[in-house]
PDBML (XML) file of the C-alpha atoms, coordinates in Angstrom:
<?xml version="1.0" encoding="UTF-8" ?>
<PDBx:datablock datablockName="MODEL"
   xmlns:PDBx="http://pdbml.pdb.org/schema/pdbx-v50.xsd"
   xmlns:xsi="http://www.w3.org/2001/XMLSchema-instance"
   xsi:schemaLocation="http://pdbml.pdb.org/schema/pdbx-v50.xsd pdbx-v50.xsd">
   <PDBx:atom_siteCategory>
      <PDBx:atom_site id="1">
         <PDBx:B_iso_or_equiv>0.00</PDBx:B_iso_or_equiv>
         <PDBx:Cartn_x>6.672</PDBx:Cartn_x>
         <PDBx:Cartn_y>-0.822</PDBx:Cartn_y>
         <PDBx:Cartn_z>-3.867</PDBx:Cartn_z>
         <PDBx:auth_asym_id>A</PDBx:auth_asym_id>
         <PDBx:auth_atom_id>CA</PDBx:auth_atom_id>
         <PDBx:auth_comp_id>ASP</PDBx:auth_comp_id>
         <PDBx:auth_seq_id>1</PDBx:auth_seq_id>
         <PDBx:group_PDB>ATOM</PDBx:group_PDB>
         <PDBx:label_alt_id xsi:nil="true" />
         <PDBx:label_asym_id>A</PDBx:label_asym_id>
         <PDBx:label_atom_id>CA</PDBx:label_atom_id>
         <PDBx:label_comp_id>ASP</PDBx:label_comp_id>
         <PDBx:label_entity_id>1</PDBx:label_entity_id>
         <PDBx:label_seq_id>1</PDBx:label_seq_id>
         <PDBx:occupancy>1.00</PDBx:occupancy>
         <PDBx:pdbx_PDB_model_num>1</PDBx:pdbx_PDB_model_num>
         <PDBx:type_symbol>C</PDBx:type_symbol>
      </PDBx:atom_site>
      <PDBx:atom_site id="2">
         <PDBx:B_iso_or_equiv>0.00</PDBx:B_iso_or_equiv>
         <PDBx:Cartn_x>4.449</PDBx:Cartn_x>
         <PDBx:Cartn_y>-3.326</PDBx:Cartn_y>
         <PDBx:Cartn_z>-5.687</PDBx:Cartn_z>
         <PDBx:auth_asym_id>A</PDBx:auth_asym_id>
         <PDBx:auth_atom_id>CA</PDBx:auth_atom_id>
         <PDBx:auth_comp_id>VAL</PDBx:auth_comp_id>
         <PDBx:auth_seq_id>2</PDBx:auth_seq_id>
         <PDBx:group_PDB>ATOM</PDBx:group_PDB>
         <PDBx:label_alt_id xsi:nil="true" />
         <PDBx:label_asym_id>A</PDBx:label_asym_id>
         <PDBx:label_atom_id>CA</PDBx:label_atom_id>
         <PDBx:label_comp_id>VAL</PDBx:label_comp_id>
         <PDBx:label_entity_id>1</PDBx:label_entity_id>
         <PDBx:label_seq_id>2</PDBx:label_seq_id>
         <PDBx:occupancy>1.00</PDBx:occupancy>
         <PDBx:pdbx_PDB_model_num>1</PDBx:pdbx_PDB_model_num>
         <PDBx:type_symbol>C</PDBx:type_symbol>
      </PDBx:atom_site>
      <PDBx:atom_site id="3">
         <PDBx:B_iso_or_equiv>0.00</PDBx:B_iso_or_equiv>
         <PDBx:Cartn_x>1.478</PDBx:Cartn_x>
         <PDBx:Cartn_y>-1.127</PDBx:Cartn_y>
         <PDBx:Cartn_z>-4.639</PDBx:Cartn_z>
         <PDBx:auth_asym_id>A</PDBx:auth_asym_id>
         <PDBx:auth_atom_id>CA</PDBx:auth_atom_id>
         <PDBx:auth_comp_id>SER</PDBx:auth_comp_id>
         <PDBx:auth_seq_id>3</PDBx:auth_seq_id>
         <PDBx:group_PDB>ATOM</PDBx:group_PDB>
         <PDBx:label_alt_id xsi:nil="true" />
         <PDBx:label_asym_id>A</PDBx:label_asym_id>
         <PDBx:label_atom_id>CA</PDBx:label_atom_id>
         <PDBx:label_comp_id>SER</PDBx:label_comp_id>
         <PDBx:label_entity_id>1</PDBx:label_entity_id>
         <PDBx:label_seq_id>3</PDBx:label_seq_id>
         <PDBx:occupancy>1.00</PDBx:occupancy>
         <PDBx:pdbx_PDB_model_num>1</PDBx:pdbx_PDB_model_num>
         <PDBx:type_symbol>C</PDBx:type_symbol>
      </PDBx:atom_site>
      <PDBx:atom_site id="4">
         <PDBx:B_iso_or_equiv>0.00</PDBx:B_iso_or_equiv>
         <PDBx:Cartn_x>2.562</PDBx:Cartn_x>
         <PDBx:Cartn_y>1.481</PDBx:Cartn_y>
         <PDBx:Cartn_z>-7.026</PDBx:Cartn_z>
         <PDBx:auth_asym_id>A</PDBx:auth_asym_id>
         <PDBx:auth_atom_id>CA</PDBx:auth_atom_id>
         <PDBx:auth_comp_id>HIS</PDBx:auth_comp_id>
         <PDBx:auth_seq_id>4</PDBx:auth_seq_id>
         <PDBx:group_PDB>ATOM</PDBx:group_PDB>
         <PDBx:label_alt_id xsi:nil="true" />
         <PDBx:label_asym_id>A</PDBx:label_asym_id>
         <PDBx:label_atom_id>CA</PDBx:label_atom_id>
         <PDBx:label_comp_id>HIS</PDBx:label_comp_id>
         <PDBx:label_entity_id>1</PDBx:label_entity_id>
         <PDBx:label_seq_id>4</PDBx:label_seq_id>
         <PDBx:occupancy>1.00</PDBx:occupancy>
         <PDBx:pdbx_PDB_model_num>1</PDBx:pdbx_PDB_model_num>
         <PDBx:type_symbol>C</PDBx:type_symbol>
      </PDBx:atom_site>
      <PDBx:atom_site id="5">
         <PDBx:B_iso_or_equiv>0.00</PDBx:B_iso_or_equiv>
         <PDBx:Cartn_x>2.066</PDBx:Cartn_x>
         <PDBx:Cartn_y>-0.751</PDBx:Cartn_y>
         <PDBx:Cartn_z>-9.777</PDBx:Cartn_z>
         <PDBx:auth_asym_id>A</PDBx:auth_asym_id>
         <PDBx:auth_atom_id>CA</PDBx:auth_atom_id>
         <PDBx:auth_comp_id>LEU</PDBx:auth_comp_id>
         <PDBx:auth_seq_id>5</PDBx:auth_seq_id>
         <PDBx:group_PDB>ATOM</PDBx:group_PDB>
         <PDBx:label_alt_id xsi:nil="true" />
         <PDBx:label_asym_id>A</PDBx:label_asym_id>
         <PDBx:label_atom_id>CA</PDBx:label_atom_id>
         <PDBx:label_comp_id>LEU</PDBx:label_comp_id>
         <PDBx:label_entity_id>1</PDBx:label_entity_id>
         <PDBx:label_seq_id>5</PDBx:label_seq_id>
         <PDBx:occupancy>1.00</PDBx:occupancy>
         <PDBx:pdbx_PDB_model_num>1</PDBx:pdbx_PDB_model_num>
         <PDBx:type_symbol>C</PDBx:type_symbol>
      </PDBx:atom_site>
      <PDBx:atom_site id="6">
         <PDBx:B_iso_or_equiv>0.00</PDBx:B_iso_or_equiv>
         <PDBx:Cartn_x>-1.239</PDBx:Cartn_x>
         <PDBx:Cartn_y>-1.383</PDBx:Cartn_y>
         <PDBx:Cartn_z>-9.003</PDBx:Cartn_z>
         <PDBx:auth_asym_id>A</PDBx:auth_asym_id>
         <PDBx:auth_atom_id>CA</PDBx:auth_atom_id>
         <PDBx:auth_comp_id>TYR</PDBx:auth_comp_id>
         <PDBx:auth_seq_id>6</PDBx:auth_seq_id>
         <PDBx:group_PDB>ATOM</PDBx:group_PDB>
         <PDBx:label_alt_id xsi:nil="true" />
         <PDBx:label_asym_id>A</PDBx:label_asym_id>
         <PDBx:label_atom_id>CA</PDBx:label_atom_id>
         <PDBx:label_comp_id>TYR</PDBx:label_comp_id>
         <PDBx:label_entity_id>1</PDBx:label_entity_id>
         <PDBx:label_seq_id>6</PDBx:label_seq_id>
         <PDBx:occupancy>1.00</PDBx:occupancy>
         <PDBx:pdbx_PDB_model_num>1</PDBx:pdbx_PDB_model_num>
         <PDBx:type_symbol>C</PDBx:type_symbol>
      </PDBx:atom_site>
      <PDBx:atom_site id="7">
         <PDBx:B_iso_or_equiv>0.00</PDBx:B_iso_or_equiv>
         <PDBx:Cartn_x>-2.003</PDBx:Cartn_x>
         <PDBx:Cartn_y>2.473</PDBx:Cartn_y>
         <PDBx:Cartn_z>-8.332</PDBx:Cartn_z>
         <PDBx:auth_asym_id>A</PDBx:auth_asym_id>
         <PDBx:auth_atom_id>CA</PDBx:auth_atom_id>
         <PDBx:auth_comp_id>MET</PDBx:auth_comp_id>
         <PDBx:auth_seq_id>7</PDBx:auth_seq_id>
         <PDBx:group_PDB>ATOM</PDBx:group_PDB>
         <PDBx:label_alt_id xsi:nil="true" />
         <PDBx:label_asym_id>A</PDBx:label_asym_id>
         <PDBx:label_atom_id>CA</PDBx:label_atom_id>
         <PDBx:label_comp_id>MET</PDBx:label_comp_id>
         <PDBx:label_entity_id>1</PDBx:label_entity_id>
         <PDBx:label_seq_id>7</PDBx:label_seq_id>
         <PDBx:occupancy>1.00</PDBx:occupancy>
         <PDBx:pdbx_PDB_model_num>1</PDBx:pdbx_PDB_model_num>
         <PDBx:type_symbol>C</PDBx:type_symbol>
      </PDBx:atom_site>
      <PDBx:atom_site id="8">
         <PDBx:B_iso_or_equiv>0.00</PDBx:B_iso_or_equiv>
         <PDBx:Cartn_x>-0.653</PDBx:Cartn_x>
         <PDBx:Cartn_y>2.656</PDBx:Cartn_y>
         <PDBx:Cartn_z>-12.083</PDBx:Cartn_z>
         <PDBx:auth_asym_id>A</PDBx:auth_asym_id>
         <PDBx:auth_atom_id>CA</PDBx:auth_atom_id>
         <PDBx:auth_comp_id>LEU</PDBx:auth_comp_id>
         <PDBx:auth_seq_id>8</PDBx:auth_seq_id>
         <PDBx:group_PDB>ATOM</PDBx:group_PDB>
         <PDBx:label_alt_id xsi:nil="true" />
         <PDBx:label_asym_id>A</PDBx:label_asym_id>
         <PDBx:label_atom_id>CA</PDBx:label_atom_id>
         <PDBx:label_comp_id>LEU</PDBx:label_comp_id>
         <PDBx:label_entity_id>1</PDBx:label_entity_id>
         <PDBx:label_seq_id>8</PDBx:label_seq_id>
         <PDBx:occupancy>1.00</PDBx:occupancy>
         <PDBx:pdbx_PDB_model_num>1</PDBx:pdbx_PDB_model_num>
         <PDBx:type_symbol>C</PDBx:type_symbol>
      </PDBx:atom_site>
      <PDBx:atom_site id="9">
         <PDBx:B_iso_or_equiv>0.00</PDBx:B_iso_or_equiv>
         <PDBx:Cartn_x>-3.031</PDBx:Cartn_x>
         <PDBx:Cartn_y>0.057</PDBx:Cartn_y>
         <PDBx:Cartn_z>-13.166</PDBx:Cartn_z>
         <PDBx:auth_asym_id>A</PDBx:auth_asym_id>
         <PDBx:auth_atom_id>CA</PDBx:auth_atom_id>
         <PDBx:auth_comp_id>LYS</PDBx:auth_comp_id>
         <PDBx:auth_seq_id>9</PDBx:auth_seq_id>
         <PDBx:group_PDB>ATOM</PDBx:group_PDB>
         <PDBx:label_alt_id xsi:nil="true" />
         <PDBx:label_asym_id>A</PDBx:label_asym_id>
         <PDBx:label_atom_id>CA</PDBx:label_atom_id>
         <PDBx:label_comp_id>LYS</PDBx:label_comp_id>
         <PDBx:label_entity_id>1</PDBx:label_entity_id>
         <PDBx:label_seq_id>9</PDBx:label_seq_id>
         <PDBx:occupancy>1.00</PDBx:occupancy>
         <PDBx:pdbx_PDB_model_num>1</PDBx:pdbx_PDB_model_num>
         <PDBx:type_symbol>C</PDBx:type_symbol>
      </PDBx:atom_site>
      <PDBx:atom_site id="10">
         <PDBx:B_iso_or_equiv>0.00</PDBx:B_iso_or_equiv>
         <PDBx:Cartn_x>-5.872</PDBx:Cartn_x>
         <PDBx:Cartn_y>2.199</PDBx:Cartn_y>
         <PDBx:Cartn_z>-11.632</PDBx:Cartn_z>
         <PDBx:auth_asym_id>A</PDBx:auth_asym_id>
         <PDBx:auth_atom_id>CA</PDBx:auth_atom_id>
         <PDBx:auth_comp_id>HIS</PDBx:auth_comp_id>
         <PDBx:auth_seq_id>10</PDBx:auth_seq_id>
         <PDBx:group_PDB>ATOM</PDBx:group_PDB>
         <PDBx:label_alt_id xsi:nil="true" />
         <PDBx:label_asym_id>A</PDBx:label_asym_id>
         <PDBx:label_atom_id>CA</PDBx:label_atom_id>
         <PDBx:label_comp_id>HIS</PDBx:label_comp_id>
         <PDBx:label_entity_id>1</PDBx:label_entity_id>
         <PDBx:label_seq_id>10</PDBx:label_seq_id>
         <PDBx:occupancy>1.00</PDBx:occupancy>
         <PDBx:pdbx_PDB_model_num>1</PDBx:pdbx_PDB_model_num>
         <PDBx:type_symbol>C</PDBx:type_symbol>
      </PDBx:atom_site>
      <PDBx:atom_site id="11">
         <PDBx:B_iso_or_equiv>0.00</PDBx:B_iso_or_equiv>
         <PDBx:Cartn_x>-5.107</PDBx:Cartn_x>
         <PDBx:Cartn_y>5.269</PDBx:Cartn_y>
         <PDBx:Cartn_z>-13.638</PDBx:Cartn_z>
         <PDBx:auth_asym_id>A</PDBx:auth_asym_id>
         <PDBx:auth_atom_id>CA</PDBx:auth_atom_id>
         <PDBx:auth_comp_id>PHE</PDBx:auth_comp_id>
         <PDBx:auth_seq_id>11</PDBx:auth_seq_id>
         <PDBx:group_PDB>ATOM</PDBx:group_PDB>
         <PDBx:label_alt_id xsi:nil="true" />
         <PDBx:label_asym_id>A</PDBx:label_asym_id>
         <PDBx:label_atom_id>CA</PDBx:label_atom_id>
         <PDBx:label_comp_id>PHE</PDBx:label_comp_id>
         <PDBx:label_entity_id>1</PDBx:label_entity_id>
         <PDBx:label_seq_id>11</PDBx:label_seq_id>
         <PDBx:occupancy>1.00</PDBx:occupancy>
         <PDBx:pdbx_PDB_model_num>1</PDBx:pdbx_PDB_model_num>
         <PDBx:type_symbol>C</PDBx:type_symbol>
      </PDBx:atom_site>
      <PDBx:atom_site id="12">
         <PDBx:B_iso_or_equiv>0.00</PDBx:B_iso_or_equiv>
         <PDBx:Cartn_x>-4.347</PDBx:Cartn_x>
         <PDBx:Cartn_y>2.842</PDBx:Cartn_y>
         <PDBx:Cartn_z>-16.807</PDBx:Cartn_z>
         <PDBx:auth_asym_id>A</PDBx:auth_asym_id>
         <PDBx:auth_atom_id>CA</PDBx:auth_atom_id>
         <PDBx:auth_comp_id>VAL</PDBx:auth_comp_id>
         <PDBx:auth_seq_id>12</PDBx:auth_seq_id>
         <PDBx:group_PDB>ATOM</PDBx:group_PDB>
         <PDBx:label_alt_id xsi:nil="true" />
         <PDBx:label_asym_id>A</PDBx:label_asym_id>
         <PDBx:label_atom_id>CA</PDBx:label_atom_id>
         <PDBx:label_comp_id>VAL</PDBx:label_comp_id>
         <PDBx:label_entity_id>1</PDBx:label_entity_id>
         <PDBx:label_seq_id>12</PDBx:label_seq_id>
         <PDBx:occupancy>1.00</PDBx:occupancy>
         <PDBx:pdbx_PDB_model_num>1</PDBx:pdbx_PDB_model_num>
         <PDBx:type_symbol>C</PDBx:type_symbol>
      </PDBx:atom_site>
      <PDBx:atom_site id="13">
         <PDBx:B_iso_or_equiv>0.00</PDBx:B_iso_or_equiv>
         <PDBx:Cartn_x>-8.141</PDBx:Cartn_x>
         <PDBx:Cartn_y>1.964</PDBx:Cartn_y>
         <PDBx:Cartn_z>-16.378</PDBx:Cartn_z>
         <PDBx:auth_asym_id>A</PDBx:auth_asym_id>
         <PDBx:auth_atom_id>CA</PDBx:auth_atom_id>
         <PDBx:auth_comp_id>ASP</PDBx:auth_comp_id>
         <PDBx:auth_seq_id>13</PDBx:auth_seq_id>
         <PDBx:group_PDB>ATOM</PDBx:group_PDB>
         <PDBx:label_alt_id xsi:nil="true" />
         <PDBx:label_asym_id>A</PDBx:label_asym_id>
         <PDBx:label_atom_id>CA</PDBx:label_atom_id>
         <PDBx:label_comp_id>ASP</PDBx:label_comp_id>
         <PDBx:label_entity_id>1</PDBx:label_entity_id>
         <PDBx:label_seq_id>13</PDBx:label_seq_id>
         <PDBx:occupancy>1.00</PDBx:occupancy>
         <PDBx:pdbx_PDB_model_num>1</PDBx:pdbx_PDB_model_num>
         <PDBx:type_symbol>C</PDBx:type_symbol>
      </PDBx:atom_site>
      <PDBx:atom_site id="14">
         <PDBx:B_iso_or_equiv>0.00</PDBx:B_iso_or_equiv>
         <PDBx:Cartn_x>-9.201</PDBx:Cartn_x>
         <PDBx:Cartn_y>5.427</PDBx:Cartn_y>
         <PDBx:Cartn_z>-15.807</PDBx:Cartn_z>
         <PDBx:auth_asym_id>A</PDBx:auth_asym_id>
         <PDBx:auth_atom_id>CA</PDBx:auth_atom_id>
         <PDBx:auth_comp_id>ARG</PDBx:auth_comp_id>
         <PDBx:auth_seq_id>14</PDBx:auth_seq_id>
         <PDBx:group_PDB>ATOM</PDBx:group_PDB>
         <PDBx:label_alt_id xsi:nil="true" />
         <PDBx:label_asym_id>A</PDBx:label_asym_id>
         <PDBx:label_atom_id>CA</PDBx:label_atom_id>
         <PDBx:label_comp_id>ARG</PDBx:label_comp_id>
         <PDBx:label_entity_id>1</PDBx:label_entity_id>
         <PDBx:label_seq_id>14</PDBx:label_seq_id>
         <PDBx:occupancy>1.00</PDBx:occupancy>
         <PDBx:pdbx_PDB_model_num>1</PDBx:pdbx_PDB_model_num>
         <PDBx:type_symbol>C</PDBx:type_symbol>
      </PDBx:atom_site>
      <PDBx:atom_site id="15">
         <PDBx:B_iso_or_equiv>0.00</PDBx:B_iso_or_equiv>
         <PDBx:Cartn_x>-8.080</PDBx:Cartn_x>
         <PDBx:Cartn_y>6.450</PDBx:Cartn_y>
         <PDBx:Cartn_z>-19.111</PDBx:Cartn_z>
         <PDBx:auth_asym_id>A</PDBx:auth_asym_id>
         <PDBx:auth_atom_id>CA</PDBx:auth_atom_id>
         <PDBx:auth_comp_id>GLY</PDBx:auth_comp_id>
         <PDBx:auth_seq_id>15</PDBx:auth_seq_id>
         <PDBx:group_PDB>ATOM</PDBx:group_PDB>
         <PDBx:label_alt_id xsi:nil="true" />
         <PDBx:label_asym_id>A</PDBx:label_asym_id>
         <PDBx:label_atom_id>CA</PDBx:label_atom_id>
         <PDBx:label_comp_id>GLY</PDBx:label_comp_id>
         <PDBx:label_entity_id>1</PDBx:label_entity_id>
         <PDBx:label_seq_id>15</PDBx:label_seq_id>
         <PDBx:occupancy>1.00</PDBx:occupancy>
         <PDBx:pdbx_PDB_model_num>1</PDBx:pdbx_PDB_model_num>
         <PDBx:type_symbol>C</PDBx:type_symbol>
      </PDBx:atom_site>
      <PDBx:atom_site id="16">
         <PDBx:B_iso_or_equiv>0.00</PDBx:B_iso_or_equiv>
         <PDBx:Cartn_x>-5.707</PDBx:Cartn_x>
         <PDBx:Cartn_y>9.025</PDBx:Cartn_y>
         <PDBx:Cartn_z>-17.218</PDBx:Cartn_z>
         <PDBx:auth_asym_id>A</PDBx:auth_asym_id>
         <PDBx:auth_atom_id>CA</PDBx:auth_atom_id>
         <PDBx:auth_comp_id>ALA</PDBx:auth_comp_id>
         <PDBx:auth_seq_id>16</PDBx:auth_seq_id>
         <PDBx:group_PDB>ATOM</PDBx:group_PDB>
         <PDBx:label_alt_id xsi:nil="true" />
         <PDBx:label_asym_id>A</PDBx:label_asym_id>
         <PDBx:label_atom_id>CA</PDBx:label_atom_id>
         <PDBx:label_comp_id>ALA</PDBx:label_comp_id>
         <PDBx:label_entity_id>1</PDBx:label_entity_id>
         <PDBx:label_seq_id>16</PDBx:label_seq_id>
         <PDBx:occupancy>1.00</PDBx:occupancy>
         <PDBx:pdbx_PDB_model_num>1</PDBx:pdbx_PDB_model_num>
         <PDBx:type_symbol>C</PDBx:type_symbol>
      </PDBx:atom_site>
      <PDBx:atom_site id="17">
         <PDBx:B_iso_or_equiv>0.00</PDBx:B_iso_or_equiv>
         <PDBx:Cartn_x>-2.536</PDBx:Cartn_x>
         <PDBx:Cartn_y>7.349</PDBx:Cartn_y>
         <PDBx:Cartn_z>-18.592</PDBx:Cartn_z>
         <PDBx:auth_asym_id>A</PDBx:auth_asym_id>
         <PDBx:auth_atom_id>CA</PDBx:auth_atom_id>
         <PDBx:auth_comp_id>VAL</PDBx:auth_comp_id>
         <PDBx:auth_seq_id>17</PDBx:auth_seq_id>
         <PDBx:group_PDB>ATOM</PDBx:group_PDB>
         <PDBx:label_alt_id xsi:nil="true" />
         <PDBx:label_asym_id>A</PDBx:label_asym_id>
         <PDBx:label_atom_id>CA</PDBx:label_atom_id>
         <PDBx:label_comp_id>VAL</PDBx:label_comp_id>
         <PDBx:label_entity_id>1</PDBx:label_entity_id>
         <PDBx:label_seq_id>17</PDBx:label_seq_id>
         <PDBx:occupancy>1.00</PDBx:occupancy>
         <PDBx:pdbx_PDB_model_num>1</PDBx:pdbx_PDB_model_num>
         <PDBx:type_symbol>C</PDBx:type_symbol>
      </PDBx:atom_site>
      <PDBx:atom_site id="18">
         <PDBx:B_iso_or_equiv>0.00</PDBx:B_iso_or_equiv>
         <PDBx:Cartn_x>-1.971</PDBx:Cartn_x>
         <PDBx:Cartn_y>5.613</PDBx:Cartn_y>
         <PDBx:Cartn_z>-22.157</PDBx:Cartn_z>
         <PDBx:auth_asym_id>A</PDBx:auth_asym_id>
         <PDBx:auth_atom_id>CA</PDBx:auth_atom_id>
         <PDBx:auth_comp_id>THR</PDBx:auth_comp_id>
         <PDBx:auth_seq_id>18</PDBx:auth_seq_id>
         <PDBx:group_PDB>ATOM</PDBx:group_PDB>
         <PDBx:label_alt_id xsi:nil="true" />
         <PDBx:label_asym_id>A</PDBx:label_asym_id>
         <PDBx:label_atom_id>CA</PDBx:label_atom_id>
         <PDBx:label_comp_id>THR</PDBx:label_comp_id>
         <PDBx:label_entity_id>1</PDBx:label_entity_id>
         <PDBx:label_seq_id>18</PDBx:label_seq_id>
         <PDBx:occupancy>1.00</PDBx:occupancy>
         <PDBx:pdbx_PDB_model_num>1</PDBx:pdbx_PDB_model_num>
         <PDBx:type_symbol>C</PDBx:type_symbol>
      </PDBx:atom_site>
      <PDBx:atom_site id="19">
         <PDBx:B_iso_or_equiv>0.00</PDBx:B_iso_or_equiv>
         <PDBx:Cartn_x>1.300</PDBx:Cartn_x>
         <PDBx:Cartn_y>3.605</PDBx:Cartn_y>
         <PDBx:Cartn_z>-23.287</PDBx:Cartn_z>
         <PDBx:auth_asym_id>A</PDBx:auth_asym_id>
         <PDBx:auth_atom_id>CA</PDBx:auth_atom_id>
         <PDBx:auth_comp_id>GLY</PDBx:auth_comp_id>
         <PDBx:auth_seq_id>19</PDBx:auth_seq_id>
         <PDBx:group_PDB>ATOM</PDBx:group_PDB>
         <PDBx:label_alt_id xsi:nil="true" />
         <PDBx:label_asym_id>A</PDBx:label_asym_id>
         <PDBx:label_atom_id>CA</PDBx:label_atom_id>
         <PDBx:label_comp_id>GLY</PDBx:label_comp_id>
         <PDBx:label_entity_id>1</PDBx:label_entity_id>
         <PDBx:label_seq_id>19</PDBx:label_seq_id>
         <PDBx:occupancy>1.00</PDBx:occupancy>
         <PDBx:pdbx_PDB_model_num>1</PDBx:pdbx_PDB_model_num>
         <PDBx:type_symbol>C</PDBx:type_symbol>
      </PDBx:atom_site>
      <PDBx:atom_site id="20">
         <PDBx:B_iso_or_equiv>0.00</PDBx:B_iso_or_equiv>
         <PDBx:Cartn_x>4.064</PDBx:Cartn_x>
         <PDBx:Cartn_y>3.028</PDBx:Cartn_y>
         <PDBx:Cartn_z>-23.767</PDBx:Cartn_z>
         <PDBx:auth_asym_id>A</PDBx:auth_asym_id>
         <PDBx:auth_atom_id>CA</PDBx:auth_atom_id>
         <PDBx:auth_comp_id>PRO</PDBx:auth_comp_id>
         <PDBx:auth_seq_id>20</PDBx:auth_seq_id>
         <PDBx:group_PDB>ATOM</PDBx:group_PDB>
         <PDBx:label_alt_id xsi:nil="true" />
         <PDBx:label_asym_id>A</PDBx:label_asym_id>
         <PDBx:label_atom_id>CA</PDBx:label_atom_id>
         <PDBx:label_comp_id>PRO</PDBx:label_comp_id>
         <PDBx:label_entity_id>1</PDBx:label_entity_id>
         <PDBx:label_seq_id>20</PDBx:label_seq_id>
         <PDBx:occupancy>1.00</PDBx:occupancy>
         <PDBx:pdbx_PDB_model_num>1</PDBx:pdbx_PDB_model_num>
         <PDBx:type_symbol>C</PDBx:type_symbol>
      </PDBx:atom_site>
      <PDBx:atom_site id="21">
         <PDBx:B_iso_or_equiv>0.00</PDBx:B_iso_or_equiv>
         <PDBx:Cartn_x>4.445</PDBx:Cartn_x>
         <PDBx:Cartn_y>3.084</PDBx:Cartn_y>
         <PDBx:Cartn_z>-20.102</PDBx:Cartn_z>
         <PDBx:auth_asym_id>A</PDBx:auth_asym_id>
         <PDBx:auth_atom_id>CA</PDBx:auth_atom_id>
         <PDBx:auth_comp_id>LEU</PDBx:auth_comp_id>
         <PDBx:auth_seq_id>21</PDBx:auth_seq_id>
         <PDBx:group_PDB>ATOM</PDBx:group_PDB>
         <PDBx:label_alt_id xsi:nil="true" />
         <PDBx:label_asym_id>A</PDBx:label_asym_id>
         <PDBx:label_atom_id>CA</PDBx:label_atom_id>
         <PDBx:label_comp_id>LEU</PDBx:label_comp_id>
         <PDBx:label_entity_id>1</PDBx:label_entity_id>
         <PDBx:label_seq_id>21</PDBx:label_seq_id>
         <PDBx:occupancy>1.00</PDBx:occupancy>
         <PDBx:pdbx_PDB_model_num>1</PDBx:pdbx_PDB_model_num>
         <PDBx:type_symbol>C</PDBx:type_symbol>
      </PDBx:atom_site>
      <PDBx:atom_site id="22">
         <PDBx:B_iso_or_equiv>0.00</PDBx:B_iso_or_equiv>
         <PDBx:Cartn_x>8.128</PDBx:Cartn_x>
         <PDBx:Cartn_y>4.033</PDBx:Cartn_y>
         <PDBx:Cartn_z>-18.915</PDBx:Cartn_z>
         <PDBx:auth_asym_id>A</PDBx:auth_asym_id>
         <PDBx:auth_atom_id>CA</PDBx:auth_atom_id>
         <PDBx:auth_comp_id>TYR</PDBx:auth_comp_id>
         <PDBx:auth_seq_id>22</PDBx:auth_seq_id>
         <PDBx:group_PDB>ATOM</PDBx:group_PDB>
         <PDBx:label_alt_id xsi:nil="true" />
         <PDBx:label_asym_id>A</PDBx:label_asym_id>
         <PDBx:label_atom_id>CA</PDBx:label_atom_id>
         <PDBx:label_comp_id>TYR</PDBx:label_comp_id>
         <PDBx:label_entity_id>1</PDBx:label_entity_id>
         <PDBx:label_seq_id>22</PDBx:label_seq_id>
         <PDBx:occupancy>1.00</PDBx:occupancy>
         <PDBx:pdbx_PDB_model_num>1</PDBx:pdbx_PDB_model_num>
         <PDBx:type_symbol>C</PDBx:type_symbol>
      </PDBx:atom_site>
      <PDBx:atom_site id="23">
         <PDBx:B_iso_or_equiv>0.00</PDBx:B_iso_or_equiv>
         <PDBx:Cartn_x>8.466</PDBx:Cartn_x>
         <PDBx:Cartn_y>2.625</PDBx:Cartn_y>
         <PDBx:Cartn_z>-15.257</PDBx:Cartn_z>
         <PDBx:auth_asym_id>A</PDBx:auth_asym_id>
         <PDBx:auth_atom_id>CA</PDBx:auth_atom_id>
         <PDBx:auth_comp_id>ILE</PDBx:auth_comp_id>
         <PDBx:auth_seq_id>23</PDBx:auth_seq_id>
         <PDBx:group_PDB>ATOM</PDBx:group_PDB>
         <PDBx:label_alt_id xsi:nil="true" />
         <PDBx:label_asym_id>A</PDBx:label_asym_id>
         <PDBx:label_atom_id>CA</PDBx:label_atom_id>
         <PDBx:label_comp_id>ILE</PDBx:label_comp_id>
         <PDBx:label_entity_id>1</PDBx:label_entity_id>
         <PDBx:label_seq_id>23</PDBx:label_seq_id>
         <PDBx:occupancy>1.00</PDBx:occupancy>
         <PDBx:pdbx_PDB_model_num>1</PDBx:pdbx_PDB_model_num>
         <PDBx:type_symbol>C</PDBx:type_symbol>
      </PDBx:atom_site>
      <PDBx:atom_site id="24">
         <PDBx:B_iso_or_equiv>0.00</PDBx:B_iso_or_equiv>
         <PDBx:Cartn_x>10.799</PDBx:Cartn_x>
         <PDBx:Cartn_y>2.971</PDBx:Cartn_y>
         <PDBx:Cartn_z>-12.860</PDBx:Cartn_z>
         <PDBx:auth_asym_id>A</PDBx:auth_asym_id>
         <PDBx:auth_atom_id>CA</PDBx:auth_atom_id>
         <PDBx:auth_comp_id>GLN</PDBx:auth_comp_id>
         <PDBx:auth_seq_id>24</PDBx:auth_seq_id>
         <PDBx:group_PDB>ATOM</PDBx:group_PDB>
         <PDBx:label_alt_id xsi:nil="true" />
         <PDBx:label_asym_id>A</PDBx:label_asym_id>
         <PDBx:label_atom_id>CA</PDBx:label_atom_id>
         <PDBx:label_comp_id>GLN</PDBx:label_comp_id>
         <PDBx:label_entity_id>1</PDBx:label_entity_id>
         <PDBx:label_seq_id>24</PDBx:label_seq_id>
         <PDBx:occupancy>1.00</PDBx:occupancy>
         <PDBx:pdbx_PDB_model_num>1</PDBx:pdbx_PDB_model_num>
         <PDBx:type_symbol>C</PDBx:type_symbol>
      </PDBx:atom_site>
   </PDBx:atom_siteCategory>
</PDBx:datablock>
């Protein structure tokens, strides 16, 4: 869902996820 992209952005902003991101 589109909302899942915003959840991923939340975790990127938290510093819990770093690139390169691989999004399915």
